[in-house]
């Protein structure tokens, strides 16, 4: 399957624009993304091992929404592919893309961590 790879790990400007420039809200969403993704990846992995395609599809959809909200296009792309593969019960594509998803999650988490460490907290 031919994949378009986004050059941007994180579209900060796009996500901030969607949040009407609310930096404090962006920071809260980034922290929530950091906290929730480990469990979601674990849940997806377990669903893959059980060949539970409905669960894989639903969890990928959930992660896609979170990644879209914070502006993580690579993660969104991975989730779209996983959702489609789960719909067609294509375990090989799911497994291959899940490996890429784990890599892309690590990438966005590194960017988020750096951003949150170097950006002053906005007053709430």
C-alpha atoms as a PDB file:
ATOM      1  CA  UNK A   1       0.000   0.000   0.000  1.00  0.00           C
ATOM      2  CA  UNK A   2       1.458   3.357  -1.042  1.00  0.00           C
ATOM      3  CA  UNK A   3       1.581   5.767   1.864  1.00  0.00           C
ATOM      4  CA  UNK A   4       1.978   9.493   1.939  1.00  0.00           C
ATOM      5  CA  UNK A   5       4.391  10.370   4.736  1.00  0.00           C
ATOM      6  CA  UNK A   6       3.910  13.759   6.230  1.00  0.00           C
ATOM      7  CA  UNK A   7       7.099  15.725   6.768  1.00  0.00           C
ATOM      8  CA  UNK A   8       5.615  17.377   9.812  1.00  0.00           C
ATOM      9  CA  UNK A   9       5.557  15.441  13.064  1.00  0.00           C
ATOM     10  CA  UNK A  10       3.495  18.143  14.737  1.00  0.00           C
ATOM     11  CA  UNK A  11       1.415  20.936  13.235  1.00  0.00           C
ATOM     12  CA  UNK A  12       1.442  23.291  16.209  1.00  0.00           C
ATOM     13  CA  UNK A  13       0.138  26.256  14.206  1.00  0.00           C
ATOM     14  CA  UNK A  14      -2.756  24.248  12.791  1.00  0.00           C
ATOM     15  CA  UNK A  15      -3.799  22.848  16.153  1.00  0.00           C
ATOM     16  CA  UNK A  16      -3.491  26.269  17.802  1.00  0.00           C
ATOM     17  CA  UNK A  17      -5.617  27.769  15.016  1.00  0.00           C
ATOM     18  CA  UNK A  18      -8.312  25.101  15.591  1.00  0.00           C
ATOM     19  CA  UNK A  19      -8.253  26.077  19.274  1.00  0.00           C
ATOM     20  CA  UNK A  20      -8.719  29.760  18.393  1.00  0.00           C
ATOM     21  CA  UNK A  21      -5.248  30.589  19.694  1.00  0.00           C
ATOM     22  CA  UNK A  22      -5.864  29.223  23.196  1.00  0.00           C
ATOM     23  CA  UNK A  23      -2.322  28.225  24.233  1.00  0.00           C
ATOM     24  CA  UNK A  24      -3.434  27.049  27.693  1.00  0.00           C
ATOM     25  CA  UNK A  25      -5.964  24.674  26.136  1.00  0.00           C
ATOM     26  CA  UNK A  26      -3.349  23.402  23.685  1.00  0.00           C
ATOM     27  CA  UNK A  27      -0.987  22.634  26.547  1.00  0.00           C
ATOM     28  CA  UNK A  28      -3.735  20.798  28.457  1.00  0.00           C
ATOM     29  CA  UNK A  29      -4.577  18.743  25.382  1.00  0.00           C
ATOM     30  CA  UNK A  30      -0.919  17.868  24.848  1.00  0.00           C
ATOM     31  CA  UNK A  31      -0.601  16.666  28.439  1.00  0.00           C
ATOM     32  CA  UNK A  32      -3.775  14.599  28.077  1.00  0.00           C
ATOM     33  CA  UNK A  33      -2.424  13.075  24.861  1.00  0.00           C
ATOM     34  CA  UNK A  34       0.825  12.176  26.635  1.00  0.00           C
ATOM     35  CA  UNK A  35      -1.051  10.523  29.483  1.00  0.00           C
ATOM     36  CA  UNK A  36      -3.564   8.526  27.449  1.00  0.00           C
ATOM     37  CA  UNK A  37      -1.573   7.193  24.513  1.00  0.00           C
ATOM     38  CA  UNK A  38       0.386   4.506  26.383  1.00  0.00           C
ATOM     39  CA  UNK A  39      -2.800   2.739  27.454  1.00  0.00           C
ATOM     40  CA  UNK A  40      -4.372   3.147  24.028  1.00  0.00           C
ATOM     41  CA  UNK A  41      -1.324   1.609  22.312  1.00  0.00           C
ATOM     42  CA  UNK A  42      -1.394  -1.261  24.800  1.00  0.00           C
ATOM     43  CA  UNK A  43      -5.099  -1.803  24.129  1.00  0.00           C
ATOM     44  CA  UNK A  44      -4.550  -1.780  20.358  1.00  0.00           C
ATOM     45  CA  UNK A  45      -1.700  -4.284  20.713  1.00  0.00           C
ATOM     46  CA  UNK A  46      -3.888  -6.609  22.781  1.00  0.00           C
ATOM     47  CA  UNK A  47      -6.739  -6.336  20.273  1.00  0.00           C
ATOM     48  CA  UNK A  48      -4.323  -7.147  17.434  1.00  0.00           C
ATOM     49  CA  UNK A  49      -3.099 -10.245  19.268  1.00  0.00           C
ATOM     50  CA  UNK A  50      -6.702 -11.384  19.741  1.00  0.00           C
ATOM     51  CA  UNK A  51      -7.607 -10.639  16.093  1.00  0.00           C
ATOM     52  CA  UNK A  52     -10.374  -8.416  17.473  1.00  0.00           C
ATOM     53  CA  UNK A  53     -10.796  -6.277  14.388  1.00  0.00           C
ATOM     54  CA  UNK A  54     -13.716  -4.268  15.765  1.00  0.00           C
ATOM     55  CA  UNK A  55     -11.686  -3.276  18.822  1.00  0.00           C
ATOM     56  CA  UNK A  56      -8.662  -2.442  16.670  1.00  0.00           C
ATOM     57  CA  UNK A  57     -10.818  -0.260  14.444  1.00  0.00           C
ATOM     58  CA  UNK A  58     -12.483   1.516  17.367  1.00  0.00           C
ATOM     59  CA  UNK A  59      -9.249   2.153  19.242  1.00  0.00           C
ATOM     60  CA  UNK A  60      -7.490   3.407  16.110  1.00  0.00           C
ATOM     61  CA  UNK A  61     -10.439   5.728  15.509  1.00  0.00           C
ATOM     62  CA  UNK A  62     -10.196   7.065  19.073  1.00  0.00           C
ATOM     63  CA  UNK A  63      -6.456   7.663  18.748  1.00  0.00           C
ATOM     64  CA  UNK A  64      -6.974   9.280  15.344  1.00  0.00           C
ATOM     65  CA  UNK A  65      -9.324  11.817  16.912  1.00  0.00           C
ATOM     66  CA  UNK A  66      -6.881  12.659  19.688  1.00  0.00           C
ATOM     67  CA  UNK A  67      -3.972  12.925  17.260  1.00  0.00           C
ATOM     68  CA  UNK A  68      -6.000  15.102  14.922  1.00  0.00           C
ATOM     69  CA  UNK A  69      -6.940  17.445  17.761  1.00  0.00           C
ATOM     70  CA  UNK A  70      -3.304  18.070  18.677  1.00  0.00           C
ATOM     71  CA  UNK A  71      -2.058  18.201  15.078  1.00  0.00           C
ATOM     72  CA  UNK A  72      -0.112  14.931  14.718  1.00  0.00           C
ATOM     73  CA  UNK A  73      -0.598  14.078  11.007  1.00  0.00           C
ATOM     74  CA  UNK A  74       1.685  11.030  10.934  1.00  0.00           C
ATOM     75  CA  UNK A  75      -0.237   9.402  13.775  1.00  0.00           C
ATOM     76  CA  UNK A  76      -3.523  10.292  12.070  1.00  0.00           C
ATOM     77  CA  UNK A  77      -2.308   8.694   8.827  1.00  0.00           C
ATOM     78  CA  UNK A  78      -1.268   5.510  10.648  1.00  0.00           C
ATOM     79  CA  UNK A  79      -4.653   5.293  12.355  1.00  0.00           C
ATOM     80  CA  UNK A  80      -6.541   5.759   9.078  1.00  0.00           C
ATOM     81  CA  UNK A  81      -4.601   2.849   7.556  1.00  0.00           C
ATOM     82  CA  UNK A  82      -5.158   0.661  10.631  1.00  0.00           C
ATOM     83  CA  UNK A  83      -8.902   1.450  10.634  1.00  0.00           C
ATOM     84  CA  UNK A  84      -9.196   0.492   6.972  1.00  0.00           C
ATOM     85  CA  UNK A  85      -7.129  -2.664   7.431  1.00  0.00           C
ATOM     86  CA  UNK A  86      -9.273  -3.681  10.405  1.00  0.00           C
ATOM     87  CA  UNK A  87     -12.405  -3.141   8.327  1.00  0.00           C
ATOM     88  CA  UNK A  88     -10.992  -5.622   5.804  1.00  0.00           C
ATOM     89  CA  UNK A  89      -9.470  -7.913   8.468  1.00  0.00           C
ATOM     90  CA  UNK A  90      -6.017  -7.423   6.956  1.00  0.00           C
ATOM     91  CA  UNK A  91      -3.821  -8.506   9.844  1.00  0.00           C
ATOM     92  CA  UNK A  92      -0.536  -8.060   7.969  1.00  0.00           C
ATOM     93  CA  UNK A  93      -1.209  -4.398   7.198  1.00  0.00           C
ATOM     94  CA  UNK A  94      -2.462  -3.809  10.732  1.00  0.00           C
ATOM     95  CA  UNK A  95       0.734  -5.247  12.232  1.00  0.00           C
ATOM     96  CA  UNK A  96       3.050  -3.384   9.861  1.00  0.00           C
ATOM     97  CA  UNK A  97       1.279  -0.090  10.396  1.00  0.00           C
ATOM     98  CA  UNK A  98       1.091  -0.601  14.157  1.00  0.00           C
ATOM     99  CA  UNK A  99       4.901  -0.801  14.202  1.00  0.00           C
ATOM    100  CA  UNK A 100       5.009   2.508  12.300  1.00  0.00           C
ATOM    101  CA  UNK A 101       2.384   3.944  14.662  1.00  0.00           C
ATOM    102  CA  UNK A 102       4.535   3.128  17.680  1.00  0.00           C
ATOM    103  CA  UNK A 103       7.473   4.901  16.023  1.00  0.00           C
ATOM    104  CA  UNK A 104       5.354   7.934  15.146  1.00  0.00           C
ATOM    105  CA  UNK A 105       3.875   8.109  18.650  1.00  0.00           C
ATOM    106  CA  UNK A 106       7.389   8.142  20.080  1.00  0.00           C
ATOM    107  CA  UNK A 107       8.247  10.971  17.684  1.00  0.00           C
ATOM    108  CA  UNK A 108       5.283  13.134  18.605  1.00  0.00           C
ATOM    109  CA  UNK A 109       5.802  12.465  22.306  1.00  0.00           C
ATOM    110  CA  UNK A 110       9.409  13.650  22.067  1.00  0.00           C
ATOM    111  CA  UNK A 111       8.271  16.838  20.330  1.00  0.00           C
ATOM    112  CA  UNK A 112       5.496  17.416  22.876  1.00  0.00           C
ATOM    113  CA  UNK A 113       7.846  16.816  25.789  1.00  0.00           C
ATOM    114  CA  UNK A 114      10.365  19.294  24.423  1.00  0.00           C
ATOM    115  CA  UNK A 115       7.652  21.855  23.703  1.00  0.00           C
ATOM    116  CA  UNK A 116       6.112  21.615  27.162  1.00  0.00           C
ATOM    117  CA  UNK A 117       9.521  21.900  28.832  1.00  0.00           C
ATOM    118  CA  UNK A 118      10.471  25.020  26.869  1.00  0.00           C
ATOM    119  CA  UNK A 119       7.116  26.798  26.782  1.00  0.00           C
ATOM    120  CA  UNK A 120       5.968  28.741  29.829  1.00  0.00           C
ATOM    121  CA  UNK A 121       2.657  27.530  31.197  1.00  0.00           C
ATOM    122  CA  UNK A 122      -0.202  29.788  30.283  1.00  0.00           C
ATOM    123  CA  UNK A 123      -2.389  31.075  33.098  1.00  0.00           C
ATOM    124  CA  UNK A 124      -5.660  29.204  33.393  1.00  0.00           C
END
